[in-house]
Amino acid sequence: MDLHVWFAYVVTAIVFSLAPGSGTVNSISNGLSYGTRKSLGAVVGLQIGLTFHIILVGAGIGALVAQSAMAFTIIKWVGVVYLVWLGIQKWRDRSSLTAQQNQETSSGWSLMRNAVLINLTNPKSIVFLVALFPQFINPEQPQLIQFVVLGVTTVVIDAIVMLGYTTLASQMGRFVRSEKVMGKINKVFGSMFVGCGALLATAKS
C-alpha cells in the first residue's frame, strides 16, 4: 500500500470516528458518569465490536450481510431495541457522579459488555466498511496485508477518538456533583441513545 493512499485512509477514518453516533454518545456519557479510568473498558469494548465487524468484512461475510435485506434488518432492529433500552436506563438514572463511581454494578466489565453490544448491533458499520475498504486496496498487491493495515488503522484511530471524547467528558464531569444536575444530564444522554436508535431504525442496506 502506497503511503499517500494510507494517509488518505487515515483522514477518512478520522472523519468516520468523529461523526456522532451511538459509540460517541456512549463514550461521552461514560466519561461524564464514571471518569476516564473506569470508562477504559467501554472504549476497549467499542473496539472489540468494531474489530469483529472488520473481520466479518475481511471474511466476506460482511458483504453478504450488507446485501441481505433480512440479515441487515434483523441486526438493525436488535440494535434499535438495545439503544432504546440503554436510553430508558439512562433516563431513569438519577444517581450523582460520586454515587455512580462507588456502584459495584457499574463495573468496567459491564461498561465493556454494553459497548461491545452497541457496536455489534450496528450494521451501518459493516455497510460502511464494505463500501470503504475496496477503495483503498490495490488488487495488484497482497490484499491480506493491506486489509490488516486498514483494519488496525481503523481500530487505533477510533480508540484514540473515543478516548478523547471520554477524557473531555470526564474533565467536565469533575464539576458535576449535584444529583439534580446529573439527573438532567442522564436524561439528555438517555434521549440521545433513543435518538441514535431512531436513526438506526431508518437505516437501509
C-alpha atoms as a PDB file:
ATOM      1  CA  MET A   1       0.000   0.000   0.000  1.00  0.00           C
ATOM      2  CA  ASP A   2       1.354   3.388  -1.018  1.00  0.00           C
ATOM      3  CA  LEU A   3       1.919   5.894   1.770  1.00  0.00           C
ATOM      4  CA  HIS A   4      -0.294   8.556   0.209  1.00  0.00           C
ATOM      5  CA  VAL A   5      -3.149   6.050  -0.038  1.00  0.00           C
ATOM      6  CA  TRP A   6      -2.740   5.192   3.632  1.00  0.00           C
ATOM      7  CA  PHE A   7      -2.749   8.877   4.597  1.00  0.00           C
ATOM      8  CA  ALA A   8      -5.948   9.353   2.621  1.00  0.00           C
ATOM      9  CA  TYR A   9      -7.497   6.460   4.517  1.00  0.00           C
ATOM     10  CA  VAL A  10      -6.331   7.913   7.859  1.00  0.00           C
ATOM     11  CA  VAL A  11      -8.214  11.130   7.091  1.00  0.00           C
ATOM     12  CA  THR A  12     -11.304   9.147   6.096  1.00  0.00           C
ATOM     13  CA  ALA A  13     -11.128   7.003   9.242  1.00  0.00           C
ATOM     14  CA  ILE A  14     -10.795  10.089  11.456  1.00  0.00           C
ATOM     15  CA  VAL A  15     -13.921  11.601   9.915  1.00  0.00           C
ATOM     16  CA  PHE A  16     -15.721   8.273  10.341  1.00  0.00           C
ATOM     17  CA  SER A  17     -14.781   8.092  14.035  1.00  0.00           C
ATOM     18  CA  LEU A  18     -15.545  11.753  14.767  1.00  0.00           C
ATOM     19  CA  ALA A  19     -19.022  11.513  13.244  1.00  0.00           C
ATOM     20  CA  PRO A  20     -21.671  11.490  16.009  1.00  0.00           C
ATOM     21  CA  GLY A  21     -23.145   8.083  16.651  1.00  0.00           C
ATOM     22  CA  SER A  22     -24.043   5.629  19.393  1.00  0.00           C
ATOM     23  CA  GLY A  23     -20.359   4.974  20.168  1.00  0.00           C
ATOM     24  CA  THR A  24     -19.736   8.693  20.604  1.00  0.00           C
ATOM     25  CA  VAL A  25     -22.759   9.092  22.854  1.00  0.00           C
ATOM     26  CA  ASN A  26     -21.649   6.090  24.906  1.00  0.00           C
ATOM     27  CA  SER A  27     -18.106   7.443  25.314  1.00  0.00           C
ATOM     28  CA  ILE A  28     -19.215  10.919  26.391  1.00  0.00           C
ATOM     29  CA  SER A  29     -21.876   9.549  28.723  1.00  0.00           C
ATOM     30  CA  ASN A  30     -19.406   7.175  30.397  1.00  0.00           C
ATOM     31  CA  GLY A  31     -16.776   9.897  30.726  1.00  0.00           C
ATOM     32  CA  LEU A  32     -19.229  12.198  32.482  1.00  0.00           C
ATOM     33  CA  SER A  33     -20.627   9.484  34.721  1.00  0.00           C
ATOM     34  CA  TYR A  34     -17.601   7.378  35.638  1.00  0.00           C
ATOM     35  CA  GLY A  35     -14.421   9.220  34.674  1.00  0.00           C
ATOM     36  CA  THR A  36     -11.718   8.209  32.227  1.00  0.00           C
ATOM     37  CA  ARG A  37     -10.109   5.287  34.031  1.00  0.00           C
ATOM     38  CA  LYS A  38     -13.325   3.422  34.740  1.00  0.00           C
ATOM     39  CA  SER A  39     -14.540   4.076  31.188  1.00  0.00           C
ATOM     40  CA  LEU A  40     -11.483   2.499  29.523  1.00  0.00           C
ATOM     41  CA  GLY A  41     -13.294  -0.832  29.410  1.00  0.00           C
ATOM     42  CA  ALA A  42     -16.048   0.753  27.335  1.00  0.00           C
ATOM     43  CA  VAL A  43     -13.503   2.169  24.868  1.00  0.00           C
ATOM     44  CA  VAL A  44     -11.990  -1.307  24.553  1.00  0.00           C
ATOM     45  CA  GLY A  45     -15.457  -2.792  24.154  1.00  0.00           C
ATOM     46  CA  LEU A  46     -16.256  -0.487  21.247  1.00  0.00           C
ATOM     47  CA  GLN A  47     -13.068  -1.602  19.527  1.00  0.00           C
ATOM     48  CA  ILE A  48     -13.861  -5.269  20.108  1.00  0.00           C
ATOM     49  CA  GLY A  49     -17.171  -4.772  18.349  1.00  0.00           C
ATOM     50  CA  LEU A  50     -15.509  -2.810  15.549  1.00  0.00           C
ATOM     51  CA  THR A  51     -12.796  -5.462  15.158  1.00  0.00           C
ATOM     52  CA  PHE A  52     -15.463  -8.142  14.838  1.00  0.00           C
ATOM     53  CA  HIS A  53     -17.078  -6.168  12.015  1.00  0.00           C
ATOM     54  CA  ILE A  54     -13.722  -5.736  10.295  1.00  0.00           C
ATOM     55  CA  ILE A  55     -13.058  -9.485  10.483  1.00  0.00           C
ATOM     56  CA  LEU A  56     -16.516 -10.195   9.069  1.00  0.00           C
ATOM     57  CA  VAL A  57     -15.847  -7.838   6.179  1.00  0.00           C
ATOM     58  CA  GLY A  58     -12.468  -9.454   5.538  1.00  0.00           C
ATOM     59  CA  ALA A  59     -14.031 -12.908   5.552  1.00  0.00           C
ATOM     60  CA  GLY A  60     -16.617 -11.797   3.026  1.00  0.00           C
ATOM     61  CA  ILE A  61     -19.496 -12.275   5.437  1.00  0.00           C
ATOM     62  CA  GLY A  62     -19.871  -8.529   5.790  1.00  0.00           C
ATOM     63  CA  ALA A  63     -20.685  -8.210   2.103  1.00  0.00           C
ATOM     64  CA  LEU A  64     -23.364 -10.873   2.471  1.00  0.00           C
ATOM     65  CA  VAL A  65     -24.885  -9.041   5.445  1.00  0.00           C
ATOM     66  CA  ALA A  66     -24.769  -5.750   3.559  1.00  0.00           C
ATOM     67  CA  GLN A  67     -26.519  -7.345   0.583  1.00  0.00           C
ATOM     68  CA  SER A  68     -29.014  -9.424   2.572  1.00  0.00           C
ATOM     69  CA  ALA A  69     -32.069  -7.367   3.469  1.00  0.00           C
ATOM     70  CA  MET A  70     -33.186  -9.902   6.076  1.00  0.00           C
ATOM     71  CA  ALA A  71     -29.826 -10.119   7.873  1.00  0.00           C
ATOM     72  CA  PHE A  72     -29.433  -6.353   7.829  1.00  0.00           C
ATOM     73  CA  THR A  73     -32.954  -5.837   9.170  1.00  0.00           C
ATOM     74  CA  ILE A  74     -32.557  -8.361  11.999  1.00  0.00           C
ATOM     75  CA  ILE A  75     -29.266  -6.869  13.191  1.00  0.00           C
ATOM     76  CA  LYS A  76     -30.643  -3.351  12.784  1.00  0.00           C
ATOM     77  CA  TRP A  77     -33.730  -3.921  14.925  1.00  0.00           C
ATOM     78  CA  VAL A  78     -31.763  -5.719  17.626  1.00  0.00           C
ATOM     79  CA  GLY A  79     -29.560  -2.613  17.724  1.00  0.00           C
ATOM     80  CA  VAL A  80     -32.582  -0.296  17.814  1.00  0.00           C
ATOM     81  CA  VAL A  81     -34.133  -2.146  20.752  1.00  0.00           C
ATOM     82  CA  TYR A  82     -30.824  -2.231  22.635  1.00  0.00           C
ATOM     83  CA  LEU A  83     -30.148   1.501  22.152  1.00  0.00           C
ATOM     84  CA  VAL A  84     -33.669   2.419  23.238  1.00  0.00           C
ATOM     85  CA  TRP A  85     -33.278   0.183  26.297  1.00  0.00           C
ATOM     86  CA  LEU A  86     -29.984   1.917  27.164  1.00  0.00           C
ATOM     87  CA  GLY A  87     -31.699   5.268  26.713  1.00  0.00           C
ATOM     88  CA  ILE A  88     -34.508   4.347  29.104  1.00  0.00           C
ATOM     89  CA  GLN A  89     -31.998   3.085  31.677  1.00  0.00           C
ATOM     90  CA  LYS A  90     -30.000   6.302  31.376  1.00  0.00           C
ATOM     91  CA  TRP A  91     -33.130   8.452  31.574  1.00  0.00           C
ATOM     92  CA  ARG A  92     -34.162   6.753  34.827  1.00  0.00           C
ATOM     93  CA  ASP A  93     -30.692   7.035  36.374  1.00  0.00           C
ATOM     94  CA  ARG A  94     -30.756   9.823  38.967  1.00  0.00           C
ATOM     95  CA  SER A  95     -27.629   8.959  40.944  1.00  0.00           C
ATOM     96  CA  SER A  96     -24.896  11.511  41.388  1.00  0.00           C
ATOM     97  CA  LEU A  97     -21.421  11.179  39.917  1.00  0.00           C
ATOM     98  CA  THR A  98     -19.936  10.244  43.291  1.00  0.00           C
ATOM     99  CA  ALA A  99     -22.561   7.569  43.870  1.00  0.00           C
ATOM    100  CA  GLN A 100     -22.062   6.126  40.401  1.00  0.00           C
ATOM    101  CA  GLN A 101     -18.328   5.843  40.900  1.00  0.00           C
ATOM    102  CA  ASN A 102     -18.965   3.766  44.019  1.00  0.00           C
ATOM    103  CA  GLN A 103     -21.554   1.424  42.497  1.00  0.00           C
ATOM    104  CA  GLU A 104     -20.268  -2.118  42.093  1.00  0.00           C
ATOM    105  CA  THR A 105     -22.922  -2.795  39.432  1.00  0.00           C
ATOM    106  CA  SER A 106     -21.351  -0.190  37.144  1.00  0.00           C
ATOM    107  CA  SER A 107     -18.147  -2.186  36.756  1.00  0.00           C
ATOM    108  CA  GLY A 108     -15.634  -1.817  33.976  1.00  0.00           C
ATOM    109  CA  TRP A 109     -16.733  -5.226  32.684  1.00  0.00           C
ATOM    110  CA  SER A 110     -20.383  -4.189  32.425  1.00  0.00           C
ATOM    111  CA  LEU A 111     -19.401  -0.992  30.606  1.00  0.00           C
ATOM    112  CA  MET A 112     -17.258  -3.060  28.225  1.00  0.00           C
ATOM    113  CA  ARG A 113     -20.079  -5.513  27.581  1.00  0.00           C
ATOM    114  CA  ASN A 114     -22.516  -2.701  26.819  1.00  0.00           C
ATOM    115  CA  ALA A 115     -20.013  -1.070  24.442  1.00  0.00           C
ATOM    116  CA  VAL A 116     -19.369  -4.342  22.583  1.00  0.00           C
ATOM    117  CA  LEU A 117     -23.091  -4.818  22.054  1.00  0.00           C
ATOM    118  CA  ILE A 118     -23.535  -1.217  20.903  1.00  0.00           C
ATOM    119  CA  ASN A 119     -21.073  -1.730  18.047  1.00  0.00           C
ATOM    120  CA  LEU A 120     -22.030  -5.316  17.268  1.00  0.00           C
ATOM    121  CA  THR A 121     -25.676  -4.373  16.748  1.00  0.00           C
ATOM    122  CA  ASN A 122     -24.899  -1.533  14.346  1.00  0.00           C
ATOM    123  CA  PRO A 123     -24.958  -2.944  10.792  1.00  0.00           C
ATOM    124  CA  LYS A 124     -24.185   0.501   9.364  1.00  0.00           C
ATOM    125  CA  SER A 125     -20.534  -0.070  10.320  1.00  0.00           C
ATOM    126  CA  ILE A 126     -20.416  -3.220   8.202  1.00  0.00           C
ATOM    127  CA  VAL A 127     -22.000  -1.464   5.226  1.00  0.00           C
ATOM    128  CA  PHE A 128     -19.554   1.433   5.596  1.00  0.00           C
ATOM    129  CA  LEU A 129     -16.504  -0.845   5.778  1.00  0.00           C
ATOM    130  CA  VAL A 130     -17.695  -2.985   2.856  1.00  0.00           C
ATOM    131  CA  ALA A 131     -18.031   0.147   0.747  1.00  0.00           C
ATOM    132  CA  LEU A 132     -14.824   1.790   2.021  1.00  0.00           C
ATOM    133  CA  PHE A 133     -12.106  -0.871   2.118  1.00  0.00           C
ATOM    134  CA  PRO A 134     -12.113  -1.767  -1.597  1.00  0.00           C
ATOM    135  CA  GLN A 135     -11.468   1.888  -2.465  1.00  0.00           C
ATOM    136  CA  PHE A 136      -8.082   1.752  -0.696  1.00  0.00           C
ATOM    137  CA  ILE A 137      -6.926  -1.781  -1.544  1.00  0.00           C
ATOM    138  CA  ASN A 138      -4.706  -2.268  -4.573  1.00  0.00           C
ATOM    139  CA  PRO A 139      -5.698  -5.568  -6.239  1.00  0.00           C
ATOM    140  CA  GLU A 140      -2.192  -5.893  -7.706  1.00  0.00           C
ATOM    141  CA  GLN A 141      -0.610  -6.054  -4.246  1.00  0.00           C
ATOM    142  CA  PRO A 142      -1.041  -8.648  -1.445  1.00  0.00           C
ATOM    143  CA  GLN A 143      -4.558  -7.938  -0.218  1.00  0.00           C
ATOM    144  CA  LEU A 144      -4.319  -9.561   3.222  1.00  0.00           C
ATOM    145  CA  ILE A 145      -1.517  -7.235   4.344  1.00  0.00           C
ATOM    146  CA  GLN A 146      -3.406  -4.210   3.046  1.00  0.00           C
ATOM    147  CA  PHE A 147      -6.560  -5.359   4.808  1.00  0.00           C
ATOM    148  CA  VAL A 148      -4.701  -5.797   8.101  1.00  0.00           C
ATOM    149  CA  VAL A 149      -3.167  -2.328   7.777  1.00  0.00           C
ATOM    150  CA  LEU A 150      -6.558  -0.735   7.133  1.00  0.00           C
ATOM    151  CA  GLY A 151      -8.198  -2.710   9.929  1.00  0.00           C
ATOM    152  CA  VAL A 152      -5.550  -1.853  12.525  1.00  0.00           C
ATOM    153  CA  THR A 153      -5.586   1.784  11.419  1.00  0.00           C
ATOM    154  CA  THR A 154      -9.369   1.913  11.808  1.00  0.00           C
ATOM    155  CA  VAL A 155      -9.318   0.455  15.320  1.00  0.00           C
ATOM    156  CA  VAL A 156      -6.406   2.598  16.554  1.00  0.00           C
ATOM    157  CA  ILE A 157      -7.939   5.827  15.256  1.00  0.00           C
ATOM    158  CA  ASP A 158     -11.381   5.017  16.638  1.00  0.00           C
ATOM    159  CA  ALA A 159      -9.875   4.109  20.026  1.00  0.00           C
ATOM    160  CA  ILE A 160      -7.989   7.426  20.164  1.00  0.00           C
ATOM    161  CA  VAL A 161     -11.092   9.418  19.196  1.00  0.00           C
ATOM    162  CA  MET A 162     -13.351   7.619  21.691  1.00  0.00           C
ATOM    163  CA  LEU A 163     -10.735   8.027  24.415  1.00  0.00           C
ATOM    164  CA  GLY A 164     -10.571  11.723  23.559  1.00  0.00           C
ATOM    165  CA  TYR A 165     -14.343  12.073  23.879  1.00  0.00           C
ATOM    166  CA  THR A 166     -14.262  10.162  27.170  1.00  0.00           C
ATOM    167  CA  THR A 167     -11.424  12.241  28.617  1.00  0.00           C
ATOM    168  CA  LEU A 168     -13.003  15.567  27.677  1.00  0.00           C
ATOM    169  CA  ALA A 169     -16.303  14.476  29.172  1.00  0.00           C
ATOM    170  CA  SER A 170     -14.511  13.289  32.300  1.00  0.00           C
ATOM    171  CA  GLN A 171     -12.955  16.716  32.787  1.00  0.00           C
ATOM    172  CA  MET A 172     -16.425  18.251  32.541  1.00  0.00           C
ATOM    173  CA  GLY A 173     -17.761  15.635  34.943  1.00  0.00           C
ATOM    174  CA  ARG A 174     -15.448  16.844  37.685  1.00  0.00           C
ATOM    175  CA  PHE A 175     -17.641  19.907  38.029  1.00  0.00           C
ATOM    176  CA  VAL A 176     -20.846  17.888  38.199  1.00  0.00           C
ATOM    177  CA  ARG A 177     -21.512  16.627  41.711  1.00  0.00           C
ATOM    178  CA  SER A 178     -25.170  17.535  42.152  1.00  0.00           C
ATOM    179  CA  GLU A 179     -27.661  14.684  41.920  1.00  0.00           C
ATOM    180  CA  LYS A 180     -30.164  17.063  40.324  1.00  0.00           C
ATOM    181  CA  VAL A 181     -27.733  18.231  37.636  1.00  0.00           C
ATOM    182  CA  MET A 182     -26.509  14.693  36.960  1.00  0.00           C
ATOM    183  CA  GLY A 183     -30.104  13.549  36.627  1.00  0.00           C
ATOM    184  CA  LYS A 184     -30.717  16.152  33.912  1.00  0.00           C
ATOM    185  CA  ILE A 185     -27.515  15.158  32.106  1.00  0.00           C
ATOM    186  CA  ASN A 186     -28.555  11.500  32.238  1.00  0.00           C
ATOM    187  CA  LYS A 187     -31.896  12.423  30.681  1.00  0.00           C
ATOM    188  CA  VAL A 188     -30.096  14.247  27.863  1.00  0.00           C
ATOM    189  CA  PHE A 189     -27.926  11.236  27.095  1.00  0.00           C
ATOM    190  CA  GLY A 190     -30.863   8.893  27.535  1.00  0.00           C
ATOM    191  CA  SER A 191     -32.676  10.892  24.871  1.00  0.00           C
ATOM    192  CA  MET A 192     -29.575  10.770  22.661  1.00  0.00           C
ATOM    193  CA  PHE A 193     -29.405   6.969  22.912  1.00  0.00           C
ATOM    194  CA  VAL A 194     -33.078   6.771  21.934  1.00  0.00           C
ATOM    195  CA  GLY A 195     -32.348   9.215  19.105  1.00  0.00           C
ATOM    196  CA  CYS A 196     -29.500   7.003  17.876  1.00  0.00           C
ATOM    197  CA  GLY A 197     -31.901   4.084  17.958  1.00  0.00           C
ATOM    198  CA  ALA A 198     -34.436   6.064  15.920  1.00  0.00           C
ATOM    199  CA  LEU A 199     -31.767   6.977  13.350  1.00  0.00           C
ATOM    200  CA  LEU A 200     -30.638   3.367  13.133  1.00  0.00           C
ATOM    201  CA  ALA A 201     -34.260   2.353  12.543  1.00  0.00           C
ATOM    202  CA  THR A 202     -34.280   4.459   9.375  1.00  0.00           C
ATOM    203  CA  ALA A 203     -31.053   2.903   8.027  1.00  0.00           C
ATOM    204  CA  LYS A 204     -31.260   0.938   4.807  1.00  0.00           C
ATOM    205  CA  SER A 205     -28.795  -1.637   3.460  1.00  0.00           C
END
